[in-house]
Amino acid sequence: MRIPDETVEAVKQGTDITDLVSSYIKLEKRGRNYVGLCPFHNEKTPSFTVSPDKQICHCFGCKKGGNVLQFYMEVENVSFAEAVRKLGKPLGIEIAASEQVANDSEMQLIRIHEYMTDLYHHILMHTKEGEGALKYLEDRGFSGDIIRREKIGIAPDMRDFTKNALSDKGFSLELAFQAGVISRNEENFSYYDRFSGRIMIPIRNHQGYIVGYTARSMDGREPKYLNTPETSIFQKRRLLYNLSDARKDIRKQDEVILMEGHLDIIKVKMTDVNNVIGLMGTALSEQHIQMLNRLASNVTLMFDGDQAGQAAQLSLGADLLEGGLNVFIISMPKGMDPDEYIEKYGAETFRDLVKNEKRHYIHFKAEHLLEESMNNDMAFSNNLKMLTDHLRHVKDQVIRERLIQHISELYKVDRKSIEQNVPDQAAAPSSGTVARPRQLPLRERKERYLLRALMKDRDLFLNFQDKISEEVLTAPRYYVIFKGLCAYFDKHDEFELSSFSQYIEGEYFSTAVEVEELLINEDITTEEVNDYIEDLSGIRNSEKEKQSLYQQLQEAENSNDIELQIKLAQQLNEINSRYKR
């Protein structure tokens, strides 16, 4: 069943493009528009533009964008119907189930997770089997409210509980295996539970769907944390724990607090510090860095206060710094994690720690390397070179000066020596020099002007529609836009780029954006459009050619040159047949 046009329009009108896009990437105001790093391809210089006036977004690099629905479809990889449903929900616009389309294979895996999450949570909160785990969580300071909000559960300590529960519900065991909630004996192909006797922490993707678990042991069995294996919907390199909840606060504060343990993150959320997310382990992928770069300018690492946590911060901090982010460290007391810190010192002290105790990554690293540097000249030289190399990634000149001063005092080295050894920053285009756009050929400029005039006025378009052909708009992309206008003006009285984006695709929409930006006369006339069509079709030029031929024919007749007269007459007939009016 097709979603009514009125419903689609209501969702479009009710969803602001700037608010939607800014929930995915950080935007900066540039005149009347906003710009940011494109969410669809990797780039260092922002080329993704959002126009609040036109309610469209567009990347001039990869050409992706469009209106709110097209952006959401692309960024979330969902169908048109699913985009209308998801964007319509906060507006109170409901879409009937018969109108919804979803990726069935992935949605089945998600439904398995949703069913088991509800079941695990029910067992934790309402059964005798869950009493021990519930007491464990309460003793660690987790409130009933946060347990319910995060849907934390317990997988009973039984070999086949999950397998039997899913089988009884009618789910395929092979599908449950693909979802990663049960395991399989590859010798006899028998299935058994992957998670038993563990606290189950659901992991949601950036859309808010449950796609996996972090399962924590309570009895000391190893591993302490057991994650869902890699599946089609659970890929560690693409997931950041708690991102769906934290995104708005991250955008508001322009800062991500990155942590290790998922229970730590849940505890931190109880203190109203909400811009906190976690990795699936301590590995940082290129996709993670790209995601973080689009979310915020600043990343603060807050790992456990043990040797492993320190080592992870040193390693990940360098990658994030080189990835173009401002990186800071909040150090935990030795041997303590954020959860334990909150339990010992309270939520208010923790909030003060987050607010007041951020050191730049290079500051943190300089102090960490100091001890080995002081008693080892080779290490001193290597470490100082490493620190100065890091400094080239610091864009803020004031922070850079402060870091140079700190390293100078800490390592007892003249600051000028440090400054001289900082490598040059990667060459970036100066904000004062803008590349001059390529000058288009005269004919192409005329075709664009004609197309813009036809966009501007539906009556003009309908008046001249039948006179436009591929001989008039010879550039294929302009003719494709014209055909899109034919379909568009069948349903719309006025041109709106946001709505027109649904009638044209990718690279052609990029050209349509450029054409729509052209400045033309407000009161363009029928005669002016007709002149352009005649000029582009060759009619006007043919008149000049005919006048020249008539003159040559007269001269041939005067000189009685019969052969030339026949040749000129043939040329005139050819022009007349080519440009019949």
Protein backbone atom coordinates (compact mmCIF):
# COMPACT_ATOMS: atom_id res chain seq x y z
CA MET A 1 0.00 0.00 0.00
CA ARG A 2 1.37 3.40 -1.01
CA ILE A 3 1.89 6.09 1.64
CA PRO A 4 -0.41 9.06 0.84
CA ASP A 5 1.30 12.16 -0.55
CA GLU A 6 -0.27 14.24 2.23
CA THR A 7 1.43 12.07 4.87
CA VAL A 8 4.81 12.33 3.15
CA GLU A 9 4.42 16.10 2.86
CA ALA A 10 3.44 16.42 6.53
CA VAL A 11 6.61 14.56 7.59
CA LYS A 12 8.76 16.74 5.31
CA GLN A 13 7.19 19.95 6.56
CA GLY A 14 7.44 18.88 10.20
CA THR A 15 11.12 17.84 10.10
CA ASP A 16 13.71 20.60 9.97
CA ILE A 17 16.66 19.62 7.77
CA THR A 18 19.21 21.49 9.91
CA ASP A 19 18.08 19.82 13.14
CA LEU A 20 18.10 16.40 11.49
CA VAL A 21 21.53 16.68 9.89
CA SER A 22 23.09 18.25 12.99
CA SER A 23 22.07 15.17 14.97
CA TYR A 24 24.54 13.23 12.81
CA ILE A 25 27.36 15.67 12.06
CA LYS A 26 28.63 18.93 13.52
CA LEU A 27 27.65 21.94 11.44
CA GLU A 28 29.13 25.44 11.20
CA LYS A 29 27.19 28.46 9.96
CA ARG A 30 28.43 29.94 6.70
CA GLY A 31 26.26 32.85 5.63
CA ARG A 32 22.70 31.59 5.23
CA ASN A 33 23.78 27.94 5.08
CA TYR A 34 25.61 25.42 7.26
CA VAL A 35 28.58 23.22 6.34
CA GLY A 36 30.10 20.10 7.81
CA LEU A 37 32.06 16.94 7.01
CA CYS A 38 30.04 14.71 4.71
CA PRO A 39 28.55 11.67 6.52
CA PHE A 40 28.64 9.65 3.30
CA HIS A 41 32.33 9.75 2.42
CA ASN A 42 35.63 10.40 4.16
CA GLU A 43 36.88 13.98 3.79
CA LYS A 44 38.98 16.50 5.71
CA THR A 45 37.60 19.69 4.19
CA PRO A 46 33.83 20.18 4.71
CA SER A 47 31.85 19.93 1.47
CA PHE A 48 28.45 18.99 2.89
CA THR A 49 26.04 21.96 2.79
CA VAL A 50 22.68 22.36 4.49
CA SER A 51 20.26 25.04 3.32
CA PRO A 52 17.57 25.90 5.92
CA ASP A 53 15.77 28.14 3.42
CA LYS A 54 15.42 25.40 0.81
CA GLN A 55 15.23 22.52 3.32
CA ILE A 56 17.84 20.50 1.43
CA CYS A 57 21.34 19.19 2.05
CA HIS A 58 23.95 18.36 -0.53
CA CYS A 59 27.55 17.16 -0.78
CA PHE A 60 29.49 18.75 -3.61
CA GLY A 61 32.04 15.95 -3.28
CA CYS A 62 30.09 12.68 -3.50
CA LYS A 63 26.84 14.35 -4.74
CA LYS A 64 24.63 12.74 -2.08
CA GLY A 65 21.89 14.61 -0.26
CA GLY A 66 18.37 15.86 -0.92
CA ASN A 67 15.45 16.59 1.37
CA VAL A 68 14.94 15.25 4.91
CA LEU A 69 13.62 11.90 3.71
CA GLN A 70 16.40 11.32 1.22
CA PHE A 71 19.06 12.25 3.79
CA TYR A 72 17.56 9.91 6.38
CA MET A 73 17.22 7.05 3.87
CA GLU A 74 20.87 7.38 2.90
CA VAL A 75 22.39 7.94 6.34
CA GLU A 76 20.36 5.16 7.99
CA ASN A 77 20.26 2.84 4.95
CA VAL A 78 16.47 2.40 5.20
CA SER A 79 13.63 2.33 2.72
CA PHE A 80 11.46 5.32 1.85
CA ALA A 81 8.57 3.95 3.90
CA GLU A 82 10.81 3.31 6.90
CA ALA A 83 12.18 6.87 6.67
CA VAL A 84 8.65 8.30 6.65
CA ARG A 85 7.71 6.10 9.61
CA LYS A 86 10.77 6.94 11.72
CA LEU A 87 10.66 10.69 11.06
CA GLY A 88 6.90 10.75 11.44
CA LYS A 89 6.87 9.09 14.86
CA PRO A 90 8.05 12.12 16.92
CA LEU A 91 5.54 14.23 14.97
CA GLY A 92 2.68 11.96 15.96
CA ILE A 93 2.26 10.74 12.38
CA GLU A 94 1.65 7.00 12.33
CA ILE A 95 2.23 4.83 9.25
CA ALA A 96 0.11 1.70 8.85
CA ALA A 97 1.99 -1.61 8.98
CA SER A 98 0.88 -2.41 5.42
CA GLU A 99 2.69 0.72 4.26
CA GLN A 100 6.00 -0.20 5.88
CA VAL A 101 8.91 -1.84 4.12
CA ALA A 102 11.97 -3.13 5.94
CA ASN A 103 15.08 -5.19 5.30
CA ASP A 104 13.48 -8.45 6.35
CA SER A 105 16.65 -10.48 6.96
CA GLU A 106 18.20 -7.89 9.28
CA MET A 107 14.90 -7.10 10.97
CA GLN A 108 14.47 -10.78 11.86
CA LEU A 109 17.83 -10.72 13.63
CA ILE A 110 16.80 -7.55 15.44
CA ARG A 111 13.44 -9.10 16.46
CA ILE A 112 15.33 -12.03 18.01
CA HIS A 113 17.36 -9.57 20.09
CA GLU A 114 14.29 -7.58 21.08
CA TYR A 115 12.43 -10.71 22.18
CA MET A 116 15.34 -12.09 24.22
CA THR A 117 16.10 -8.67 25.73
CA ASP A 118 12.55 -8.41 27.06
CA LEU A 119 12.75 -11.97 28.36
CA TYR A 120 16.15 -11.54 30.06
CA HIS A 121 14.94 -8.26 31.61
CA HIS A 122 11.74 -9.87 32.91
CA ILE A 123 13.73 -12.70 34.51
CA LEU A 124 16.02 -10.19 36.24
CA MET A 125 13.23 -7.99 37.58
CA HIS A 126 10.41 -10.43 38.35
CA THR A 127 11.68 -13.97 38.98
CA LYS A 128 13.54 -15.87 41.64
CA GLU A 129 16.24 -16.78 39.08
CA GLY A 130 17.05 -13.09 38.74
CA GLU A 131 17.27 -12.21 42.44
CA GLY A 132 21.02 -12.76 42.75
CA ALA A 133 21.86 -10.67 39.68
CA LEU A 134 19.44 -7.92 40.71
CA LYS A 135 21.00 -7.74 44.17
CA TYR A 136 24.48 -7.65 42.59
CA LEU A 137 23.48 -4.65 40.46
CA GLU A 138 21.75 -2.86 43.35
CA ASP A 139 24.77 -3.43 45.60
CA ARG A 140 26.91 -1.78 42.91
CA GLY A 141 24.67 1.28 43.01
CA PHE A 142 22.50 0.75 39.93
CA SER A 143 18.98 2.06 40.47
CA GLY A 144 15.84 0.24 39.39
CA ASP A 145 15.08 3.14 37.08
CA ILE A 146 18.37 2.86 35.15
CA ILE A 147 18.07 -0.95 34.99
CA ARG A 148 14.61 -0.61 33.44
CA ARG A 149 15.65 2.19 31.12
CA GLU A 150 18.65 0.23 29.79
CA LYS A 151 16.68 -3.06 29.79
CA ILE A 152 19.47 -4.89 31.59
CA GLY A 153 18.70 -8.59 32.08
CA ILE A 154 20.06 -11.94 33.16
CA ALA A 155 20.61 -15.06 31.05
CA PRO A 156 19.80 -18.04 33.32
CA ASP A 157 22.68 -20.39 34.02
CA MET A 158 21.31 -23.13 31.78
CA ARG A 159 22.77 -24.66 28.63
CA ASP A 160 19.62 -24.48 26.50
CA PHE A 161 17.42 -21.74 27.97
CA THR A 162 17.82 -19.24 25.11
CA LYS A 163 17.73 -21.97 22.45
CA ASN A 164 14.48 -23.40 23.80
CA ALA A 165 12.89 -19.97 24.34
CA LEU A 166 13.53 -18.95 20.73
CA SER A 167 12.46 -22.32 19.37
CA ASP A 168 9.19 -22.19 21.35
CA LYS A 169 8.54 -18.71 19.96
CA GLY A 170 8.94 -20.01 16.40
CA PHE A 171 12.32 -18.48 15.59
CA SER A 172 14.71 -20.47 13.39
CA LEU A 173 17.72 -21.76 15.36
CA GLU A 174 19.92 -21.16 12.31
CA LEU A 175 18.75 -17.54 12.31
CA ALA A 176 19.41 -17.30 16.07
CA PHE A 177 22.92 -18.60 15.42
CA GLN A 178 23.39 -15.95 12.70
CA ALA A 179 22.18 -13.36 15.23
CA GLY A 180 24.90 -14.50 17.65
CA VAL A 181 22.62 -15.30 20.62
CA ILE A 182 23.32 -19.05 20.48
CA SER A 183 26.40 -21.07 19.50
CA ARG A 184 26.84 -24.23 17.43
CA ASN A 185 28.90 -27.38 17.77
CA GLU A 186 30.52 -27.66 14.34
CA GLU A 187 31.07 -31.41 14.71
CA ASN A 188 27.44 -32.44 15.15
CA PHE A 189 25.75 -29.11 14.32
CA SER A 190 23.89 -29.01 17.65
CA TYR A 191 22.99 -25.61 19.08
CA TYR A 192 23.49 -24.37 22.65
CA ASP A 193 23.34 -21.05 24.54
CA ARG A 194 26.20 -18.62 24.02
CA PHE A 195 25.39 -16.60 27.15
CA SER A 196 24.64 -18.39 30.42
CA GLY A 197 24.69 -17.04 33.96
CA ARG A 198 25.66 -13.56 32.76
CA ILE A 199 24.20 -10.09 33.18
CA MET A 200 22.99 -9.04 29.74
CA ILE A 201 23.58 -5.45 28.64
CA PRO A 202 21.82 -4.72 25.32
CA ILE A 203 23.81 -2.91 22.64
CA ARG A 204 21.92 -0.65 20.26
CA ASN A 205 23.10 0.59 16.91
CA HIS A 206 22.96 4.29 15.99
CA GLN A 207 19.31 3.84 14.93
CA GLY A 208 18.36 2.56 18.39
CA TYR A 209 17.81 -1.09 17.40
CA ILE A 210 19.18 -3.80 19.71
CA VAL A 211 21.82 -5.69 17.70
CA GLY A 212 23.91 -7.48 20.34
CA TYR A 213 25.01 -7.79 23.97
CA THR A 214 27.82 -7.26 26.38
CA ALA A 215 27.46 -10.10 28.88
CA ARG A 216 29.19 -9.71 32.26
CA SER A 217 30.03 -12.65 34.48
CA MET A 218 29.20 -12.45 38.18
CA ASP A 219 31.02 -15.53 39.46
CA GLY A 220 34.54 -14.80 38.26
CA ARG A 221 34.36 -16.91 35.11
CA GLU A 222 36.41 -15.70 32.17
CA PRO A 223 36.13 -13.72 30.09
CA LYS A 224 34.78 -11.09 32.43
CA TYR A 225 32.91 -9.49 29.49
CA LEU A 226 31.67 -11.57 26.56
CA ASN A 227 30.41 -9.73 23.50
CA THR A 228 28.16 -10.86 20.67
CA PRO A 229 30.30 -12.23 17.81
CA GLU A 230 30.52 -10.40 14.49
CA THR A 231 27.24 -10.65 12.59
CA SER A 232 25.61 -8.78 9.71
CA ILE A 233 24.10 -6.34 12.25
CA PHE A 234 26.83 -6.41 14.92
CA GLN A 235 30.15 -5.14 13.57
CA LYS A 236 32.48 -3.76 16.21
CA ARG A 237 34.27 -1.44 13.82
CA ARG A 238 30.98 0.35 13.10
CA LEU A 239 29.39 0.39 16.57
CA LEU A 240 29.74 2.84 19.42
CA TYR A 241 27.92 1.88 22.59
CA ASN A 242 25.23 4.34 23.75
CA LEU A 243 25.54 6.54 20.64
CA SER A 244 21.80 6.52 19.94
CA ASP A 245 21.16 8.00 23.43
CA ALA A 246 24.19 10.29 23.60
CA ARG A 247 24.06 11.89 20.14
CA LYS A 248 22.02 14.98 21.09
CA ASP A 249 24.17 15.77 24.14
CA ILE A 250 27.33 15.25 22.10
CA ARG A 251 26.12 17.72 19.50
CA LYS A 252 25.09 20.21 22.18
CA GLN A 253 28.44 20.09 23.97
CA ASP A 254 30.64 19.39 20.93
CA GLU A 255 32.37 16.71 23.00
CA VAL A 256 32.45 12.93 23.20
CA ILE A 257 33.55 11.22 26.41
CA LEU A 258 34.91 7.83 25.36
CA MET A 259 35.04 5.04 27.94
CA GLU A 260 35.79 1.31 28.23
CA GLY A 261 33.22 -0.56 30.31
CA HIS A 262 29.57 -0.51 29.39
CA LEU A 263 28.47 -0.81 33.02
CA ASP A 264 30.69 2.22 33.68
CA ILE A 265 28.78 4.15 31.02
CA ILE A 266 25.44 3.17 32.52
CA LYS A 267 26.62 4.30 35.96
CA VAL A 268 27.89 7.59 34.51
CA LYS A 269 24.48 8.23 32.92
CA MET A 270 23.02 8.17 36.43
CA THR A 271 25.10 11.30 37.18
CA ASP A 272 23.49 13.22 34.28
CA VAL A 273 26.72 13.18 32.27
CA ASN A 274 25.11 12.01 29.06
CA ASN A 275 27.64 12.64 26.26
CA VAL A 276 29.39 9.35 27.00
CA ILE A 277 29.90 6.44 24.60
CA GLY A 278 32.00 3.28 24.52
CA LEU A 279 33.98 1.11 22.13
CA MET A 280 33.39 -2.61 21.65
CA GLY A 281 36.67 -3.33 23.47
CA THR A 282 39.70 -1.07 23.08
CA ALA A 283 40.14 -1.25 19.30
CA LEU A 284 39.56 1.98 17.37
CA SER A 285 38.72 1.56 13.68
CA GLU A 286 38.99 4.07 10.86
CA GLN A 287 35.17 4.06 10.76
CA HIS A 288 35.10 5.01 14.46
CA ILE A 289 37.40 7.96 13.86
CA GLN A 290 35.27 9.13 10.94
CA MET A 291 32.11 8.85 13.04
CA LEU A 292 33.64 10.75 15.95
CA ASN A 293 34.95 13.45 13.62
CA ARG A 294 31.45 14.05 12.28
CA LEU A 295 29.92 14.08 15.76
CA ALA A 296 32.17 16.56 17.58
CA SER A 297 35.45 18.46 17.58
CA ASN A 298 36.58 17.19 20.99
CA VAL A 299 37.09 13.68 22.37
CA THR A 300 37.86 13.04 26.03
CA LEU A 301 39.24 9.62 26.97
CA MET A 302 38.25 8.32 30.38
CA PHE A 303 39.57 4.80 30.79
CA ASP A 304 40.25 2.67 33.85
CA GLY A 305 43.09 3.72 36.13
CA ASP A 306 45.08 0.53 35.61
CA GLN A 307 48.07 -0.16 33.34
CA ALA A 308 45.85 -1.48 30.52
CA GLY A 309 43.66 1.62 30.64
CA GLN A 310 46.69 3.94 30.54
CA ALA A 311 48.18 2.05 27.60
CA ALA A 312 44.87 2.20 25.71
CA GLN A 313 44.61 5.95 26.24
CA LEU A 314 48.14 6.50 24.94
CA SER A 315 47.48 4.42 21.83
CA LEU A 316 43.97 5.63 20.98
CA GLY A 317 44.80 9.25 21.78
CA ALA A 318 47.49 9.35 19.10
CA ASP A 319 45.12 7.89 16.49
CA LEU A 320 42.37 10.38 17.36
CA LEU A 321 44.79 13.32 17.33
CA GLU A 322 46.10 12.33 13.90
CA GLY A 323 42.48 11.92 12.80
CA GLY A 324 41.92 15.65 13.30
CA LEU A 325 40.24 15.69 16.72
CA ASN A 326 41.12 17.64 19.86
CA VAL A 327 41.95 14.93 22.40
CA PHE A 328 41.82 15.24 26.18
CA ILE A 329 42.33 12.83 29.08
CA ILE A 330 40.52 12.49 32.41
CA SER A 331 42.72 10.31 34.61
CA MET A 332 41.16 7.88 37.07
CA PRO A 333 42.92 7.20 40.38
CA LYS A 334 45.22 4.19 40.15
CA GLY A 335 43.31 0.90 40.10
CA MET A 336 39.89 2.59 39.96
CA ASP A 337 37.30 2.69 37.17
CA PRO A 338 34.56 5.35 36.74
CA ASP A 339 31.93 3.11 38.33
CA GLU A 340 34.06 2.68 41.47
CA TYR A 341 34.91 6.39 41.51
CA ILE A 342 31.23 7.33 41.55
CA GLU A 343 30.50 4.81 44.30
CA LYS A 344 33.33 6.14 46.48
CA TYR A 345 33.09 9.90 45.89
CA GLY A 346 29.51 10.45 44.68
CA ALA A 347 27.88 11.88 41.57
CA GLU A 348 28.64 15.55 42.34
CA THR A 349 32.37 14.94 42.74
CA PHE A 350 32.35 12.94 39.52
CA ARG A 351 30.63 15.77 37.65
CA ASP A 352 33.26 18.17 38.98
CA LEU A 353 35.99 15.81 37.78
CA VAL A 354 34.49 15.76 34.28
CA LYS A 355 34.07 19.53 34.23
CA ASN A 356 37.44 20.58 35.65
CA GLU A 357 40.08 17.87 35.16
CA LYS A 358 40.64 17.54 31.42
CA ARG A 359 44.27 17.54 30.29
CA HIS A 360 45.30 17.65 26.67
CA TYR A 361 46.49 14.30 25.37
CA ILE A 362 49.98 15.67 24.67
CA HIS A 363 50.16 17.07 28.21
CA PHE A 364 49.21 13.64 29.58
CA LYS A 365 51.67 11.82 27.33
CA ALA A 366 54.54 14.18 28.14
CA GLU A 367 54.15 13.43 31.85
CA HIS A 368 53.74 9.71 31.23
CA LEU A 369 57.00 9.53 29.26
CA LEU A 370 58.99 11.77 31.59
CA GLU A 371 60.42 9.13 33.95
CA GLU A 372 61.97 6.95 31.25
CA SER A 373 63.18 10.04 29.39
CA MET A 374 65.17 11.54 32.27
CA ASN A 375 67.53 8.58 32.72
CA ASN A 376 67.86 7.48 29.10
CA ASP A 377 69.23 9.90 26.53
CA MET A 378 68.04 7.83 23.60
CA ALA A 379 64.52 7.63 25.05
CA PHE A 380 64.69 11.37 25.81
CA SER A 381 65.45 12.16 22.17
CA ASN A 382 62.88 9.74 20.77
CA ASN A 383 60.11 10.82 23.14
CA LEU A 384 60.72 14.53 22.58
CA LYS A 385 60.57 13.93 18.82
CA MET A 386 57.29 12.03 19.28
CA LEU A 387 55.77 14.89 21.30
CA THR A 388 56.86 17.58 18.84
CA ASP A 389 55.45 15.47 16.01
CA HIS A 390 52.09 15.33 17.84
CA LEU A 391 52.10 19.13 18.17
CA ARG A 392 51.60 19.61 14.42
CA HIS A 393 48.09 18.18 14.79
CA VAL A 394 47.06 20.84 17.35
CA LYS A 395 45.07 23.44 15.43
CA ASP A 396 44.35 25.84 18.31
CA GLN A 397 47.35 28.18 18.47
CA VAL A 398 46.79 29.11 22.15
CA ILE A 399 46.67 25.46 23.26
CA ARG A 400 49.69 24.73 21.11
CA GLU A 401 51.69 27.51 22.80
CA ARG A 402 50.64 26.27 26.20
CA LEU A 403 51.69 22.69 25.38
CA ILE A 404 55.07 23.86 24.09
CA GLN A 405 55.60 25.79 27.32
CA HIS A 406 54.63 22.76 29.40
CA ILE A 407 56.98 20.40 27.53
CA SER A 408 59.75 22.99 27.75
CA GLU A 409 59.44 23.24 31.54
CA LEU A 410 58.90 19.51 32.07
CA TYR A 411 61.84 18.36 29.94
CA LYS A 412 64.01 21.42 30.70
CA VAL A 413 64.45 22.24 26.99
CA ASP A 414 64.39 25.75 25.50
CA ARG A 415 60.94 26.36 24.01
CA LYS A 416 62.45 27.72 20.79
CA SER A 417 64.14 24.38 20.20
CA ILE A 418 60.78 22.68 20.52
CA GLU A 419 59.08 25.17 18.21
CA GLN A 420 61.75 24.74 15.56
CA ASN A 421 61.31 20.97 15.58
CA VAL A 422 57.51 20.94 15.20
CA PRO A 423 56.79 19.68 11.65
CA ASP A 424 54.78 21.92 9.39
CA GLN A 425 51.06 21.31 9.49
CA ALA A 426 49.60 19.59 6.46
CA ALA A 427 48.99 22.15 3.78
CA ALA A 428 45.39 23.26 3.81
CA PRO A 429 43.62 25.63 1.47
CA SER A 430 43.69 29.18 2.80
CA SER A 431 40.31 30.59 3.75
CA GLY A 432 41.19 33.68 1.76
CA THR A 433 41.87 31.86 -1.48
CA VAL A 434 38.91 30.28 -3.21
CA ALA A 435 39.45 28.23 -6.33
CA ARG A 436 37.90 29.97 -9.30
CA PRO A 437 35.14 27.83 -10.81
CA ARG A 438 35.71 26.54 -14.31
CA GLN A 439 34.29 28.90 -16.94
CA LEU A 440 31.59 27.00 -18.81
CA PRO A 441 31.30 27.24 -22.60
CA LEU A 442 28.85 29.87 -23.86
CA ARG A 443 26.33 27.34 -25.13
CA GLU A 444 26.26 25.50 -21.78
CA ARG A 445 25.71 28.77 -19.93
CA LYS A 446 22.75 29.50 -22.21
CA GLU A 447 21.27 26.04 -21.61
CA ARG A 448 21.57 26.50 -17.85
CA TYR A 449 19.92 29.92 -18.02
CA LEU A 450 17.01 28.54 -20.07
CA LEU A 451 16.58 25.64 -17.64
CA ARG A 452 16.59 28.02 -14.66
CA ALA A 453 13.91 30.16 -16.32
CA LEU A 454 11.73 27.09 -16.87
CA MET A 455 12.23 26.05 -13.22
CA LYS A 456 11.18 29.45 -11.99
CA ASP A 457 7.79 29.70 -13.69
CA ARG A 458 5.41 26.77 -14.25
CA ASP A 459 3.35 28.72 -16.80
CA LEU A 460 6.46 29.42 -18.85
CA PHE A 461 7.45 25.78 -18.59
CA LEU A 462 4.07 24.54 -19.82
CA ASN A 463 4.07 27.12 -22.61
CA PHE A 464 7.43 25.97 -24.00
CA GLN A 465 7.48 22.33 -22.86
CA ASP A 466 6.78 20.94 -26.34
CA LYS A 467 9.57 23.02 -27.91
CA ILE A 468 12.30 21.57 -25.71
CA SER A 469 14.22 18.63 -27.13
CA GLU A 470 17.68 17.12 -26.94
CA GLU A 471 18.65 19.45 -29.77
CA VAL A 472 17.90 22.41 -27.48
CA LEU A 473 19.32 21.00 -24.23
CA THR A 474 22.25 19.13 -25.70
CA ALA A 475 24.02 18.42 -22.37
CA PRO A 476 22.49 15.09 -21.20
CA ARG A 477 22.28 16.18 -17.53
CA TYR A 478 20.24 19.27 -18.44
CA TYR A 479 17.82 17.23 -20.51
CA VAL A 480 17.43 14.74 -17.63
CA ILE A 481 16.58 17.66 -15.33
CA PHE A 482 14.06 18.91 -17.91
CA LYS A 483 12.36 15.48 -17.99
CA GLY A 484 12.26 15.56 -14.19
CA LEU A 485 10.54 18.96 -14.38
CA CYS A 486 7.93 17.47 -16.71
CA ALA A 487 6.95 14.94 -14.03
CA TYR A 488 7.31 17.51 -11.22
CA PHE A 489 5.04 20.16 -12.75
CA ASP A 490 2.36 17.54 -13.36
CA LYS A 491 1.82 17.53 -9.59
CA HIS A 492 3.18 20.86 -8.32
CA ASP A 493 2.30 24.47 -9.08
CA GLU A 494 5.53 26.03 -7.80
CA PHE A 495 9.12 24.86 -7.94
CA GLU A 496 10.70 23.82 -4.65
CA LEU A 497 14.13 22.21 -4.72
CA SER A 498 13.40 20.05 -1.68
CA SER A 499 10.36 18.44 -3.35
CA PHE A 500 12.03 18.28 -6.76
CA SER A 501 14.86 16.20 -5.25
CA GLN A 502 12.51 13.20 -5.27
CA TYR A 503 12.16 13.44 -9.05
CA ILE A 504 15.86 13.24 -9.84
CA GLU A 505 18.89 11.31 -8.63
CA GLY A 506 22.47 11.76 -7.43
CA GLU A 507 24.72 13.63 -9.83
CA TYR A 508 21.75 15.16 -11.67
CA PHE A 509 20.41 16.62 -8.44
CA SER A 510 23.84 18.14 -7.85
CA THR A 511 23.53 19.91 -11.22
CA ALA A 512 19.96 20.96 -10.37
CA VAL A 513 21.28 22.60 -7.17
CA GLU A 514 23.81 24.57 -9.22
CA VAL A 515 21.20 25.63 -11.80
CA GLU A 516 18.75 26.67 -9.08
CA GLU A 517 21.46 28.94 -7.62
CA LEU A 518 21.71 30.97 -10.86
CA LEU A 519 20.52 34.55 -10.63
CA ILE A 520 18.08 35.48 -13.41
CA ASN A 521 15.72 38.35 -14.06
CA GLU A 522 12.68 38.34 -11.82
CA ASP A 523 10.39 39.33 -14.69
CA ILE A 524 11.69 37.04 -17.43
CA THR A 525 9.38 37.26 -20.45
CA THR A 526 7.96 34.80 -22.95
CA GLU A 527 9.91 36.57 -25.68
CA GLU A 528 13.18 36.13 -23.80
CA VAL A 529 12.62 32.39 -23.34
CA ASN A 530 11.62 32.08 -26.98
CA ASP A 531 14.82 33.85 -28.03
CA TYR A 532 16.89 31.39 -26.03
CA ILE A 533 15.12 28.39 -27.55
CA GLU A 534 15.58 29.78 -31.07
CA ASP A 535 19.21 30.51 -30.41
CA LEU A 536 19.91 27.06 -28.92
CA SER A 537 17.91 25.21 -31.57
CA GLY A 538 19.87 26.96 -34.33
CA ILE A 539 16.90 28.82 -35.85
CA ARG A 540 18.41 32.27 -35.30
CA ASN A 541 21.81 31.25 -36.64
CA SER A 542 20.15 29.61 -39.64
CA GLU A 543 18.52 32.93 -40.58
CA LYS A 544 21.93 34.60 -40.77
CA GLU A 545 23.23 31.67 -42.79
CA LYS A 546 20.28 31.90 -45.19
CA GLN A 547 20.77 35.63 -45.70
CA SER A 548 24.38 34.96 -46.65
CA LEU A 549 23.37 32.20 -49.05
CA TYR A 550 20.70 34.41 -50.69
CA GLN A 551 23.36 37.07 -51.29
CA GLN A 552 25.75 34.50 -52.79
CA LEU A 553 22.93 33.11 -54.95
CA GLN A 554 22.17 36.58 -56.31
CA GLU A 555 25.82 37.01 -57.22
CA ALA A 556 25.86 33.58 -58.91
CA GLU A 557 22.80 34.48 -60.94
CA ASN A 558 24.40 37.79 -61.99
CA SER A 559 27.50 35.92 -63.17
CA ASN A 560 25.36 33.17 -64.77
CA ASP A 561 27.22 30.46 -62.74
CA ILE A 562 24.65 27.65 -63.03
CA GLU A 563 26.71 25.07 -61.11
CA LEU A 564 27.14 27.41 -58.12
CA GLN A 565 23.42 28.35 -58.23
CA ILE A 566 22.45 24.65 -57.92
CA LYS A 567 24.89 24.12 -55.02
CA LEU A 568 23.62 27.18 -53.10
CA ALA A 569 19.97 26.24 -53.70
CA GLN A 570 20.60 22.78 -52.23
CA GLN A 571 22.14 24.34 -49.11
CA LEU A 572 19.08 26.60 -48.68
CA ASN A 573 16.71 23.63 -49.00
CA GLU A 574 18.69 21.72 -46.40
CA ILE A 575 18.49 24.61 -43.89
CA ASN A 576 14.75 25.10 -44.52
CA SER A 577 14.01 21.42 -43.97
CA ARG A 578 16.21 21.29 -40.86
CA TYR A 579 14.58 24.25 -39.13
CA LYS A 580 10.92 24.15 -40.13
CA ARG A 581 8.85 26.42 -37.89
